[in-house]
C-alpha cells in the first residue's frame, strides 16, 4: 500500500505519536524548541514551555550567575569586555566596562564565568588578566589566583564552589590569541584547580585537553567538567574524594558524533542531580546516570546557563542573546 492510501486516521495517529515522542508543545511565542528524548523529561520541562529572549545585540555572552542579594542576573559579554545585569524589574544595564584595560591580540579579553562567593561578592574568571578575581563591596578588585608555582595561568574559564569554601575552576587557553601555541603561555597544560579559602592553589588535573564548564552533583561526590575541545567533545565525571581531591575521570557523555554548532561548555545541576549542559545545538539534559533526556534549543546556541529567580528559571547566555525558560525543577542559587 502506498503511503498516500493509508487511512487518514492512521496517518494522524502516527503524526501525533511522533510529535509527542520527540518534542513538547511549546508556547507559540517561544524563541526556540525543546526536543524530548525520554519520557522522564516531562518532570523537568513543562509541556507548555516558553523560551523567552530577554535581550540581544551582544558580541558573545557567557558566564551567567544569579545574585540573590539584589535579585538579578549578572553575565559576561566576553568579546565586548563587559559585565551586564539583567533585572526582572529594570531590564538591562551595564555593570562593568571594560573588565580588561590592557592590550591584547585577541578580542576574548573580558570575564568569562562569574560566581558569587559565600559573602555575596562577585568572582570573575578573567581572560585578559589571566586570573581569578573578586570584586569587593567598595568596587576594588582582589586577585585570588593568577599563577601556579610562579607561572601565569592560561585564562580561567568557569568555577564552582564546594560547601567547604574551596573554589574549583578550569583554565583552558581561550584567552590567548595563539591558544596552546601562544608565546605568552607559561603553563604546558590546561588545568583543573581548587583554591582554598586561605588562598592555597592546588592543581587537581592536567590531562584534560580543554576543561571548561564545571559543576558539582548535589551531594558533592561527583565533579562534572566539560571538555570543549573540538577534537574531543565530552563531559567528564570525577569522583570527589574525602580530602576534596579528584579521583580518575570517566566519560559521562560523548558528543563527538554531533554536527550542530557548539561544544561541551558551561553547565549546572538541579537539586535531583540532573545535568543541564550546553553542547552542540543547545542545552543537553542528562539524568545522573548519563541518560540523555532532551535538549533545550533556543534560537541561538548557548554557551552557559544559570539558575535564577526562585531557582526554577534557567537563564541561557547564547551568542548575541540572553534567554530564559521556566522549568518544573530547580537548582541551587549561589
C-alpha atoms as a PDB file:
ATOM      1  CA  UNK A   1       0.000   0.000   0.000  1.00  0.00           C
ATOM      2  CA  UNK A   2       1.333   3.438  -0.933  1.00  0.00           C
ATOM      3  CA  UNK A   3       1.698   5.970   1.917  1.00  0.00           C
ATOM      4  CA  UNK A   4      -0.984   8.167   0.355  1.00  0.00           C
ATOM      5  CA  UNK A   5      -3.515   5.315   0.588  1.00  0.00           C
ATOM      6  CA  UNK A   6      -3.174   4.738   4.353  1.00  0.00           C
ATOM      7  CA  UNK A   7      -6.373   5.587   6.261  1.00  0.00           C
ATOM      8  CA  UNK A   8      -6.324   9.248   7.347  1.00  0.00           C
ATOM      9  CA  UNK A   9      -6.911   8.258  10.980  1.00  0.00           C
ATOM     10  CA  UNK A  10      -3.735   6.143  10.991  1.00  0.00           C
ATOM     11  CA  UNK A  11      -1.679   8.970   9.483  1.00  0.00           C
ATOM     12  CA  UNK A  12      -2.930  11.406  12.132  1.00  0.00           C
ATOM     13  CA  UNK A  13      -2.210   8.910  14.904  1.00  0.00           C
ATOM     14  CA  UNK A  14       1.313   8.338  13.601  1.00  0.00           C
ATOM     15  CA  UNK A  15       1.931  12.084  13.416  1.00  0.00           C
ATOM     16  CA  UNK A  16       0.704  12.592  16.990  1.00  0.00           C
ATOM     17  CA  UNK A  17       2.908   9.744  18.223  1.00  0.00           C
ATOM     18  CA  UNK A  18       5.986  11.205  16.511  1.00  0.00           C
ATOM     19  CA  UNK A  19       5.289  14.681  17.916  1.00  0.00           C
ATOM     20  CA  UNK A  20       4.708  13.508  21.480  1.00  0.00           C
ATOM     21  CA  UNK A  21       7.784  11.290  21.374  1.00  0.00           C
ATOM     22  CA  UNK A  22      10.242  13.886  20.098  1.00  0.00           C
ATOM     23  CA  UNK A  23       9.104  17.335  21.167  1.00  0.00           C
ATOM     24  CA  UNK A  24       6.966  19.231  23.617  1.00  0.00           C
ATOM     25  CA  UNK A  25       4.176  21.613  22.698  1.00  0.00           C
ATOM     26  CA  UNK A  26       5.841  24.950  23.185  1.00  0.00           C
ATOM     27  CA  UNK A  27       4.070  28.268  23.571  1.00  0.00           C
ATOM     28  CA  UNK A  28       3.518  29.837  20.145  1.00  0.00           C
ATOM     29  CA  UNK A  29       5.734  32.789  21.128  1.00  0.00           C
ATOM     30  CA  UNK A  30       8.641  30.586  22.185  1.00  0.00           C
ATOM     31  CA  UNK A  31      12.097  31.652  20.983  1.00  0.00           C
ATOM     32  CA  UNK A  32      13.190  28.081  20.396  1.00  0.00           C
ATOM     33  CA  UNK A  33      12.148  24.496  20.971  1.00  0.00           C
ATOM     34  CA  UNK A  34      12.702  21.575  23.316  1.00  0.00           C
ATOM     35  CA  UNK A  35      13.492  18.171  21.845  1.00  0.00           C
ATOM     36  CA  UNK A  36      12.295  15.289  24.002  1.00  0.00           C
ATOM     37  CA  UNK A  37      14.363  12.102  24.028  1.00  0.00           C
ATOM     38  CA  UNK A  38      12.919  10.342  27.084  1.00  0.00           C
ATOM     39  CA  UNK A  39       9.622  10.409  28.987  1.00  0.00           C
ATOM     40  CA  UNK A  40      11.482  11.481  32.135  1.00  0.00           C
ATOM     41  CA  UNK A  41      11.857  14.947  30.593  1.00  0.00           C
ATOM     42  CA  UNK A  42       8.197  15.617  31.385  1.00  0.00           C
ATOM     43  CA  UNK A  43       9.075  16.005  35.063  1.00  0.00           C
ATOM     44  CA  UNK A  44      11.631  18.716  34.260  1.00  0.00           C
ATOM     45  CA  UNK A  45      10.182  20.794  31.397  1.00  0.00           C
ATOM     46  CA  UNK A  46       6.525  21.916  31.336  1.00  0.00           C
ATOM     47  CA  UNK A  47       4.553  20.694  28.347  1.00  0.00           C
ATOM     48  CA  UNK A  48       3.550  24.297  27.575  1.00  0.00           C
ATOM     49  CA  UNK A  49       7.076  25.666  27.935  1.00  0.00           C
ATOM     50  CA  UNK A  50       8.178  29.002  26.536  1.00  0.00           C
ATOM     51  CA  UNK A  51      11.760  30.013  25.756  1.00  0.00           C
ATOM     52  CA  UNK A  52      11.949  33.789  26.105  1.00  0.00           C
ATOM     53  CA  UNK A  53      14.570  36.092  24.598  1.00  0.00           C
ATOM     54  CA  UNK A  54      15.305  38.821  27.134  1.00  0.00           C
ATOM     55  CA  UNK A  55      17.948  40.908  25.360  1.00  0.00           C
ATOM     56  CA  UNK A  56      20.196  40.866  22.295  1.00  0.00           C
ATOM     57  CA  UNK A  57      22.888  42.720  20.403  1.00  0.00           C
ATOM     58  CA  UNK A  58      25.858  41.388  22.384  1.00  0.00           C
ATOM     59  CA  UNK A  59      29.157  40.093  20.981  1.00  0.00           C
ATOM     60  CA  UNK A  60      29.416  36.771  22.859  1.00  0.00           C
ATOM     61  CA  UNK A  61      27.557  36.184  26.114  1.00  0.00           C
ATOM     62  CA  UNK A  62      28.915  33.874  28.787  1.00  0.00           C
ATOM     63  CA  UNK A  63      29.244  33.080  32.486  1.00  0.00           C
ATOM     64  CA  UNK A  64      25.807  33.937  33.961  1.00  0.00           C
ATOM     65  CA  UNK A  65      25.169  33.919  37.711  1.00  0.00           C
ATOM     66  CA  UNK A  66      22.146  34.940  39.767  1.00  0.00           C
ATOM     67  CA  UNK A  67      22.941  37.360  42.581  1.00  0.00           C
ATOM     68  CA  UNK A  68      20.268  36.678  45.189  1.00  0.00           C
ATOM     69  CA  UNK A  69      21.088  39.799  47.239  1.00  0.00           C
ATOM     70  CA  UNK A  70      19.843  42.390  44.727  1.00  0.00           C
ATOM     71  CA  UNK A  71      17.816  39.733  42.885  1.00  0.00           C
ATOM     72  CA  UNK A  72      19.251  39.986  39.398  1.00  0.00           C
ATOM     73  CA  UNK A  73      21.305  38.084  36.835  1.00  0.00           C
ATOM     74  CA  UNK A  74      24.876  39.075  36.034  1.00  0.00           C
ATOM     75  CA  UNK A  75      26.576  37.837  32.855  1.00  0.00           C
ATOM     76  CA  UNK A  76      29.682  38.453  30.777  1.00  0.00           C
ATOM     77  CA  UNK A  77      29.892  39.805  27.249  1.00  0.00           C
ATOM     78  CA  UNK A  78      33.300  38.290  26.719  1.00  0.00           C
ATOM     79  CA  UNK A  79      34.215  39.902  23.408  1.00  0.00           C
ATOM     80  CA  UNK A  80      32.810  43.316  24.339  1.00  0.00           C
ATOM     81  CA  UNK A  81      34.872  43.292  27.544  1.00  0.00           C
ATOM     82  CA  UNK A  82      31.816  43.926  29.721  1.00  0.00           C
ATOM     83  CA  UNK A  83      29.641  42.557  32.514  1.00  0.00           C
ATOM     84  CA  UNK A  84      25.925  43.253  32.259  1.00  0.00           C
ATOM     85  CA  UNK A  85      22.971  42.945  34.618  1.00  0.00           C
ATOM     86  CA  UNK A  86      19.516  41.683  33.759  1.00  0.00           C
ATOM     87  CA  UNK A  87      16.969  42.766  36.348  1.00  0.00           C
ATOM     88  CA  UNK A  88      13.402  41.385  36.158  1.00  0.00           C
ATOM     89  CA  UNK A  89      12.048  44.850  37.001  1.00  0.00           C
ATOM     90  CA  UNK A  90      14.547  47.256  35.444  1.00  0.00           C
ATOM     91  CA  UNK A  91      15.791  45.239  32.470  1.00  0.00           C
ATOM     92  CA  UNK A  92      19.307  45.516  31.063  1.00  0.00           C
ATOM     93  CA  UNK A  93      22.178  47.630  32.364  1.00  0.00           C
ATOM     94  CA  UNK A  94      25.974  47.562  32.148  1.00  0.00           C
ATOM     95  CA  UNK A  95      27.816  46.857  35.401  1.00  0.00           C
ATOM     96  CA  UNK A  96      31.491  46.942  34.351  1.00  0.00           C
ATOM     97  CA  UNK A  97      33.097  48.002  31.072  1.00  0.00           C
ATOM     98  CA  UNK A  98      35.930  47.480  30.489  1.00  0.00           C
ATOM     99  CA  UNK A  99      36.859  44.454  32.570  1.00  0.00           C
ATOM    100  CA  UNK A 100      40.330  44.280  30.992  1.00  0.00           C
ATOM    101  CA  UNK A 101      42.202  47.542  30.411  1.00  0.00           C
ATOM    102  CA  UNK A 102      45.402  46.348  28.756  1.00  0.00           C
ATOM    103  CA  UNK A 103      46.294  45.434  25.185  1.00  0.00           C
ATOM    104  CA  UNK A 104      45.687  42.021  23.643  1.00  0.00           C
ATOM    105  CA  UNK A 105      45.872  40.308  20.269  1.00  0.00           C
ATOM    106  CA  UNK A 106      42.516  38.614  20.856  1.00  0.00           C
ATOM    107  CA  UNK A 107      39.027  40.012  21.402  1.00  0.00           C
ATOM    108  CA  UNK A 108      38.222  37.448  24.111  1.00  0.00           C
ATOM    109  CA  UNK A 109      39.658  39.625  26.861  1.00  0.00           C
ATOM    110  CA  UNK A 110      36.747  40.176  29.239  1.00  0.00           C
ATOM    111  CA  UNK A 111      35.454  37.988  32.021  1.00  0.00           C
ATOM    112  CA  UNK A 112      34.029  34.557  31.316  1.00  0.00           C
ATOM    113  CA  UNK A 113      32.486  32.584  34.177  1.00  0.00           C
ATOM    114  CA  UNK A 114      31.042  34.618  37.056  1.00  0.00           C
ATOM    115  CA  UNK A 115      30.263  33.350  40.535  1.00  0.00           C
ATOM    116  CA  UNK A 116      29.089  34.654  43.905  1.00  0.00           C
ATOM    117  CA  UNK A 117      31.167  33.830  46.970  1.00  0.00           C
ATOM    118  CA  UNK A 118      29.688  32.858  50.384  1.00  0.00           C
ATOM    119  CA  UNK A 119      29.824  36.519  51.454  1.00  0.00           C
ATOM    120  CA  UNK A 120      27.845  37.673  48.408  1.00  0.00           C
ATOM    121  CA  UNK A 121      30.790  39.138  46.479  1.00  0.00           C
ATOM    122  CA  UNK A 122      31.250  38.758  42.732  1.00  0.00           C
ATOM    123  CA  UNK A 123      34.010  36.432  41.474  1.00  0.00           C
ATOM    124  CA  UNK A 124      35.366  36.753  37.945  1.00  0.00           C
ATOM    125  CA  UNK A 125      37.201  34.278  35.740  1.00  0.00           C
ATOM    126  CA  UNK A 126      39.180  36.772  33.672  1.00  0.00           C
ATOM    127  CA  UNK A 127      40.645  36.029  30.264  1.00  0.00           C
ATOM    128  CA  UNK A 128      42.668  39.137  29.508  1.00  0.00           C
ATOM    129  CA  UNK A 129      44.070  39.436  33.025  1.00  0.00           C
ATOM    130  CA  UNK A 130      44.506  35.639  33.272  1.00  0.00           C
ATOM    131  CA  UNK A 131      43.280  35.423  36.836  1.00  0.00           C
ATOM    132  CA  UNK A 132      40.530  34.705  39.341  1.00  0.00           C
ATOM    133  CA  UNK A 133      39.493  37.954  40.975  1.00  0.00           C
ATOM    134  CA  UNK A 134      36.942  39.198  43.484  1.00  0.00           C
ATOM    135  CA  UNK A 135      35.107  42.498  43.366  1.00  0.00           C
ATOM    136  CA  UNK A 136      34.847  43.941  46.850  1.00  0.00           C
ATOM    137  CA  UNK A 137      31.832  45.869  48.080  1.00  0.00           C
ATOM    138  CA  UNK A 138      33.670  49.164  47.569  1.00  0.00           C
ATOM    139  CA  UNK A 139      34.391  48.305  43.933  1.00  0.00           C
ATOM    140  CA  UNK A 140      38.055  47.431  44.422  1.00  0.00           C
ATOM    141  CA  UNK A 141      39.490  44.226  42.982  1.00  0.00           C
ATOM    142  CA  UNK A 142      41.279  41.493  44.934  1.00  0.00           C
ATOM    143  CA  UNK A 143      43.327  38.991  42.936  1.00  0.00           C
ATOM    144  CA  UNK A 144      42.701  35.489  44.302  1.00  0.00           C
ATOM    145  CA  UNK A 145      44.867  33.485  41.864  1.00  0.00           C
ATOM    146  CA  UNK A 146      46.896  34.429  38.803  1.00  0.00           C
ATOM    147  CA  UNK A 147      49.722  31.872  38.758  1.00  0.00           C
ATOM    148  CA  UNK A 148      50.558  28.279  39.565  1.00  0.00           C
ATOM    149  CA  UNK A 149      54.012  27.750  41.049  1.00  0.00           C
ATOM    150  CA  UNK A 150      55.146  31.087  39.643  1.00  0.00           C
ATOM    151  CA  UNK A 151      53.827  30.556  36.101  1.00  0.00           C
ATOM    152  CA  UNK A 152      50.859  32.600  34.899  1.00  0.00           C
ATOM    153  CA  UNK A 153      47.534  30.886  34.462  1.00  0.00           C
ATOM    154  CA  UNK A 154      46.224  30.494  30.904  1.00  0.00           C
ATOM    155  CA  UNK A 155      42.768  32.134  31.079  1.00  0.00           C
ATOM    156  CA  UNK A 156      40.419  30.924  33.854  1.00  0.00           C
ATOM    157  CA  UNK A 157      37.085  29.948  32.361  1.00  0.00           C
ATOM    158  CA  UNK A 158      34.474  28.745  34.844  1.00  0.00           C
ATOM    159  CA  UNK A 159      34.152  27.931  38.543  1.00  0.00           C
ATOM    160  CA  UNK A 160      32.088  26.069  41.137  1.00  0.00           C
ATOM    161  CA  UNK A 161      32.054  26.369  44.908  1.00  0.00           C
ATOM    162  CA  UNK A 162      32.097  23.378  47.227  1.00  0.00           C
ATOM    163  CA  UNK A 163      30.279  23.768  50.547  1.00  0.00           C
ATOM    164  CA  UNK A 164      33.588  23.754  52.461  1.00  0.00           C
ATOM    165  CA  UNK A 165      34.531  27.053  50.792  1.00  0.00           C
ATOM    166  CA  UNK A 166      37.019  25.715  48.231  1.00  0.00           C
ATOM    167  CA  UNK A 167      36.607  27.134  44.734  1.00  0.00           C
ATOM    168  CA  UNK A 168      37.124  24.689  41.847  1.00  0.00           C
ATOM    169  CA  UNK A 169      37.906  26.207  38.447  1.00  0.00           C
ATOM    170  CA  UNK A 170      39.090  25.405  34.925  1.00  0.00           C
ATOM    171  CA  UNK A 171      41.923  27.050  32.994  1.00  0.00           C
ATOM    172  CA  UNK A 172      41.854  26.452  29.205  1.00  0.00           C
ATOM    173  CA  UNK A 173      43.745  28.716  26.755  1.00  0.00           C
ATOM    174  CA  UNK A 174      40.843  30.566  25.117  1.00  0.00           C
ATOM    175  CA  UNK A 175      42.009  33.999  26.271  1.00  0.00           C
ATOM    176  CA  UNK A 176      45.314  33.570  24.437  1.00  0.00           C
ATOM    177  CA  UNK A 177      45.363  34.500  20.753  1.00  0.00           C
ATOM    178  CA  UNK A 178      47.529  31.519  19.834  1.00  0.00           C
ATOM    179  CA  UNK A 179      45.874  29.126  22.295  1.00  0.00           C
ATOM    180  CA  UNK A 180      48.372  26.392  23.240  1.00  0.00           C
ATOM    181  CA  UNK A 181      50.927  27.839  20.817  1.00  0.00           C
ATOM    182  CA  UNK A 182      50.760  31.384  22.130  1.00  0.00           C
ATOM    183  CA  UNK A 183      54.225  32.685  23.093  1.00  0.00           C
ATOM    184  CA  UNK A 184      52.775  34.262  26.256  1.00  0.00           C
ATOM    185  CA  UNK A 185      51.612  30.896  27.555  1.00  0.00           C
ATOM    186  CA  UNK A 186      53.626  29.814  30.583  1.00  0.00           C
ATOM    187  CA  UNK A 187      51.987  26.509  31.530  1.00  0.00           C
ATOM    188  CA  UNK A 188      52.228  23.481  29.251  1.00  0.00           C
ATOM    189  CA  UNK A 189      48.833  22.082  30.289  1.00  0.00           C
ATOM    190  CA  UNK A 190      45.225  23.179  30.694  1.00  0.00           C
ATOM    191  CA  UNK A 191      44.371  22.558  34.316  1.00  0.00           C
ATOM    192  CA  UNK A 192      41.554  21.951  36.749  1.00  0.00           C
ATOM    193  CA  UNK A 193      42.337  23.578  40.102  1.00  0.00           C
ATOM    194  CA  UNK A 194      40.904  24.245  43.508  1.00  0.00           C
ATOM    195  CA  UNK A 195      41.529  27.345  45.583  1.00  0.00           C
ATOM    196  CA  UNK A 196      41.214  27.247  49.367  1.00  0.00           C
ATOM    197  CA  UNK A 197      39.524  29.998  51.415  1.00  0.00           C
ATOM    198  CA  UNK A 198      43.054  30.894  52.586  1.00  0.00           C
ATOM    199  CA  UNK A 199      44.405  31.298  49.056  1.00  0.00           C
ATOM    200  CA  UNK A 200      46.151  27.929  48.591  1.00  0.00           C
ATOM    201  CA  UNK A 201      46.047  26.897  44.921  1.00  0.00           C
ATOM    202  CA  UNK A 202      46.127  23.169  44.161  1.00  0.00           C
ATOM    203  CA  UNK A 203      46.308  21.522  40.743  1.00  0.00           C
ATOM    204  CA  UNK A 204      43.828  18.641  40.542  1.00  0.00           C
ATOM    205  CA  UNK A 205      44.019  17.539  36.904  1.00  0.00           C
ATOM    206  CA  UNK A 206      46.314  18.379  33.986  1.00  0.00           C
ATOM    207  CA  UNK A 207      45.371  15.738  31.423  1.00  0.00           C
ATOM    208  CA  UNK A 208      42.020  17.046  30.221  1.00  0.00           C
ATOM    209  CA  UNK A 209      42.670  18.800  26.900  1.00  0.00           C
ATOM    210  CA  UNK A 210      40.230  21.732  27.126  1.00  0.00           C
ATOM    211  CA  UNK A 211      38.487  21.826  30.546  1.00  0.00           C
ATOM    212  CA  UNK A 212      35.625  24.299  30.512  1.00  0.00           C
ATOM    213  CA  UNK A 213      32.271  24.209  32.362  1.00  0.00           C
ATOM    214  CA  UNK A 214      32.324  22.785  35.878  1.00  0.00           C
ATOM    215  CA  UNK A 215      29.637  21.762  38.391  1.00  0.00           C
ATOM    216  CA  UNK A 216      29.110  19.545  41.443  1.00  0.00           C
ATOM    217  CA  UNK A 217      26.437  16.927  41.974  1.00  0.00           C
ATOM    218  CA  UNK A 218      24.079  17.806  44.869  1.00  0.00           C
ATOM    219  CA  UNK A 219      25.950  15.507  47.294  1.00  0.00           C
ATOM    220  CA  UNK A 220      29.302  16.878  46.067  1.00  0.00           C
ATOM    221  CA  UNK A 221      30.594  13.351  45.477  1.00  0.00           C
ATOM    222  CA  UNK A 222      30.886  13.956  41.718  1.00  0.00           C
ATOM    223  CA  UNK A 223      32.501  16.839  39.854  1.00  0.00           C
ATOM    224  CA  UNK A 224      31.427  17.276  36.231  1.00  0.00           C
ATOM    225  CA  UNK A 225      33.833  19.021  33.867  1.00  0.00           C
ATOM    226  CA  UNK A 226      33.081  19.763  30.222  1.00  0.00           C
ATOM    227  CA  UNK A 227      35.814  19.246  27.649  1.00  0.00           C
ATOM    228  CA  UNK A 228      35.292  21.813  24.883  1.00  0.00           C
ATOM    229  CA  UNK A 229      37.999  20.512  22.574  1.00  0.00           C
ATOM    230  CA  UNK A 230      36.597  20.331  19.038  1.00  0.00           C
ATOM    231  CA  UNK A 231      38.510  17.051  18.657  1.00  0.00           C
ATOM    232  CA  UNK A 232      37.112  15.572  21.880  1.00  0.00           C
ATOM    233  CA  UNK A 233      33.678  16.949  22.823  1.00  0.00           C
ATOM    234  CA  UNK A 234      32.804  15.124  26.015  1.00  0.00           C
ATOM    235  CA  UNK A 235      31.597  15.704  29.563  1.00  0.00           C
ATOM    236  CA  UNK A 236      33.780  14.097  32.198  1.00  0.00           C
ATOM    237  CA  UNK A 237      32.783  12.971  35.704  1.00  0.00           C
ATOM    238  CA  UNK A 238      35.278  12.755  38.554  1.00  0.00           C
ATOM    239  CA  UNK A 239      34.739  11.157  41.947  1.00  0.00           C
ATOM    240  CA  UNK A 240      35.410  13.710  44.681  1.00  0.00           C
ATOM    241  CA  UNK A 241      37.490  12.036  47.385  1.00  0.00           C
ATOM    242  CA  UNK A 242      37.121  12.627  51.094  1.00  0.00           C
ATOM    243  CA  UNK A 243      40.001  15.117  51.101  1.00  0.00           C
ATOM    244  CA  UNK A 244      38.399  17.142  48.298  1.00  0.00           C
ATOM    245  CA  UNK A 245      40.760  15.997  45.547  1.00  0.00           C
ATOM    246  CA  UNK A 246      39.591  14.188  42.426  1.00  0.00           C
ATOM    247  CA  UNK A 247      39.744  10.553  41.507  1.00  0.00           C
ATOM    248  CA  UNK A 248      40.290   9.289  37.978  1.00  0.00           C
ATOM    249  CA  UNK A 249      37.896  10.789  35.449  1.00  0.00           C
ATOM    250  CA  UNK A 250      35.366   8.818  33.437  1.00  0.00           C
ATOM    251  CA  UNK A 251      33.369   9.789  30.384  1.00  0.00           C
ATOM    252  CA  UNK A 252      29.894  10.954  31.361  1.00  0.00           C
ATOM    253  CA  UNK A 253      28.595  11.673  27.850  1.00  0.00           C
ATOM    254  CA  UNK A 254      30.284  11.886  24.453  1.00  0.00           C
ATOM    255  CA  UNK A 255      29.000  14.173  21.666  1.00  0.00           C
ATOM    256  CA  UNK A 256      31.776  13.713  19.131  1.00  0.00           C
ATOM    257  CA  UNK A 257      29.207  12.316  16.694  1.00  0.00           C
ATOM    258  CA  UNK A 258      27.208  15.564  16.691  1.00  0.00           C
ATOM    259  CA  UNK A 259      27.431  18.053  13.831  1.00  0.00           C
ATOM    260  CA  UNK A 260      25.477  21.009  15.222  1.00  0.00           C
ATOM    261  CA  UNK A 261      27.282  24.148  16.350  1.00  0.00           C
ATOM    262  CA  UNK A 262      28.661  24.116  19.878  1.00  0.00           C
ATOM    263  CA  UNK A 263      30.921  22.072  22.114  1.00  0.00           C
ATOM    264  CA  UNK A 264      30.662  20.738  25.658  1.00  0.00           C
ATOM    265  CA  UNK A 265      30.652  24.014  27.580  1.00  0.00           C
ATOM    266  CA  UNK A 266      29.002  25.567  30.655  1.00  0.00           C
ATOM    267  CA  UNK A 267      26.647  23.586  32.884  1.00  0.00           C
ATOM    268  CA  UNK A 268      24.538  23.485  36.036  1.00  0.00           C
ATOM    269  CA  UNK A 269      22.973  20.644  38.054  1.00  0.00           C
ATOM    270  CA  UNK A 270      19.478  20.642  39.557  1.00  0.00           C
ATOM    271  CA  UNK A 271      18.585  19.570  43.108  1.00  0.00           C
ATOM    272  CA  UNK A 272      17.918  15.999  41.952  1.00  0.00           C
ATOM    273  CA  UNK A 273      21.236  15.604  40.153  1.00  0.00           C
ATOM    274  CA  UNK A 274      20.046  16.151  36.588  1.00  0.00           C
ATOM    275  CA  UNK A 275      22.711  17.885  34.494  1.00  0.00           C
ATOM    276  CA  UNK A 276      21.881  20.857  32.246  1.00  0.00           C
ATOM    277  CA  UNK A 277      24.901  21.212  29.972  1.00  0.00           C
ATOM    278  CA  UNK A 278      25.411  23.458  26.965  1.00  0.00           C
ATOM    279  CA  UNK A 279      26.568  21.474  23.968  1.00  0.00           C
ATOM    280  CA  UNK A 280      26.018  21.059  20.230  1.00  0.00           C
ATOM    281  CA  UNK A 281      22.736  22.739  19.327  1.00  0.00           C
ATOM    282  CA  UNK A 282      21.514  23.622  22.791  1.00  0.00           C
ATOM    283  CA  UNK A 283      21.304  22.698  26.466  1.00  0.00           C
ATOM    284  CA  UNK A 284      21.571  18.942  26.842  1.00  0.00           C
ATOM    285  CA  UNK A 285      19.695  17.451  29.795  1.00  0.00           C
ATOM    286  CA  UNK A 286      21.002  14.258  31.413  1.00  0.00           C
ATOM    287  CA  UNK A 287      19.837  12.283  34.392  1.00  0.00           C
ATOM    288  CA  UNK A 288      22.515  11.348  36.987  1.00  0.00           C
ATOM    289  CA  UNK A 289      23.256   8.083  35.159  1.00  0.00           C
ATOM    290  CA  UNK A 290      24.136   9.945  31.947  1.00  0.00           C
ATOM    291  CA  UNK A 291      20.924   9.221  30.037  1.00  0.00           C
ATOM    292  CA  UNK A 292      20.093  11.971  27.540  1.00  0.00           C
ATOM    293  CA  UNK A 293      16.554  13.123  28.366  1.00  0.00           C
ATOM    294  CA  UNK A 294      16.230  16.002  25.934  1.00  0.00           C
ATOM    295  CA  UNK A 295      17.701  19.254  24.642  1.00  0.00           C
ATOM    296  CA  UNK A 296      16.599  22.863  25.115  1.00  0.00           C
ATOM    297  CA  UNK A 297      17.273  24.684  21.833  1.00  0.00           C
ATOM    298  CA  UNK A 298      16.888  28.465  21.947  1.00  0.00           C
ATOM    299  CA  UNK A 299      17.160  30.369  18.674  1.00  0.00           C
ATOM    300  CA  UNK A 300      20.910  30.824  19.287  1.00  0.00           C
ATOM    301  CA  UNK A 301      23.286  28.133  20.559  1.00  0.00           C
ATOM    302  CA  UNK A 302      24.006  28.718  24.269  1.00  0.00           C
ATOM    303  CA  UNK A 303      27.455  28.593  25.854  1.00  0.00           C
ATOM    304  CA  UNK A 304      26.440  28.685  29.514  1.00  0.00           C
ATOM    305  CA  UNK A 305      23.484  28.551  31.914  1.00  0.00           C
ATOM    306  CA  UNK A 306      22.500  29.629  35.425  1.00  0.00           C
ATOM    307  CA  UNK A 307      19.631  29.055  37.824  1.00  0.00           C
ATOM    308  CA  UNK A 308      17.768  32.224  38.727  1.00  0.00           C
ATOM    309  CA  UNK A 309      14.690  33.828  40.267  1.00  0.00           C
ATOM    310  CA  UNK A 310      13.358  31.239  42.762  1.00  0.00           C
ATOM    311  CA  UNK A 311      15.710  28.605  41.339  1.00  0.00           C
ATOM    312  CA  UNK A 312      13.305  27.239  38.723  1.00  0.00           C
ATOM    313  CA  UNK A 313      14.325  29.595  35.913  1.00  0.00           C
ATOM    314  CA  UNK A 314      17.170  28.517  33.669  1.00  0.00           C
ATOM    315  CA  UNK A 315      18.931  31.520  32.130  1.00  0.00           C
ATOM    316  CA  UNK A 316      20.943  30.849  28.960  1.00  0.00           C
ATOM    317  CA  UNK A 317      23.721  33.026  27.535  1.00  0.00           C
ATOM    318  CA  UNK A 318      23.605  32.297  23.814  1.00  0.00           C
ATOM    319  CA  UNK A 319      25.952  34.064  21.425  1.00  0.00           C
ATOM    320  CA  UNK A 320      24.412  37.537  20.903  1.00  0.00           C
ATOM    321  CA  UNK A 321      21.379  36.994  23.126  1.00  0.00           C
ATOM    322  CA  UNK A 322      20.156  36.256  26.646  1.00  0.00           C
ATOM    323  CA  UNK A 323      17.326  33.719  27.034  1.00  0.00           C
ATOM    324  CA  UNK A 324      15.380  32.006  29.797  1.00  0.00           C
ATOM    325  CA  UNK A 325      12.979  29.122  30.307  1.00  0.00           C
ATOM    326  CA  UNK A 326      10.782  28.309  33.317  1.00  0.00           C
ATOM    327  CA  UNK A 327      11.212  24.692  34.386  1.00  0.00           C
ATOM    328  CA  UNK A 328       9.456  22.196  36.644  1.00  0.00           C
ATOM    329  CA  UNK A 329      12.669  21.555  38.532  1.00  0.00           C
ATOM    330  CA  UNK A 330      15.047  23.915  40.282  1.00  0.00           C
ATOM    331  CA  UNK A 331      18.697  24.363  41.090  1.00  0.00           C
ATOM    332  CA  UNK A 332      20.726  25.831  43.906  1.00  0.00           C
ATOM    333  CA  UNK A 333      21.488  29.555  43.656  1.00  0.00           C
ATOM    334  CA  UNK A 334      24.893  30.745  44.983  1.00  0.00           C
END
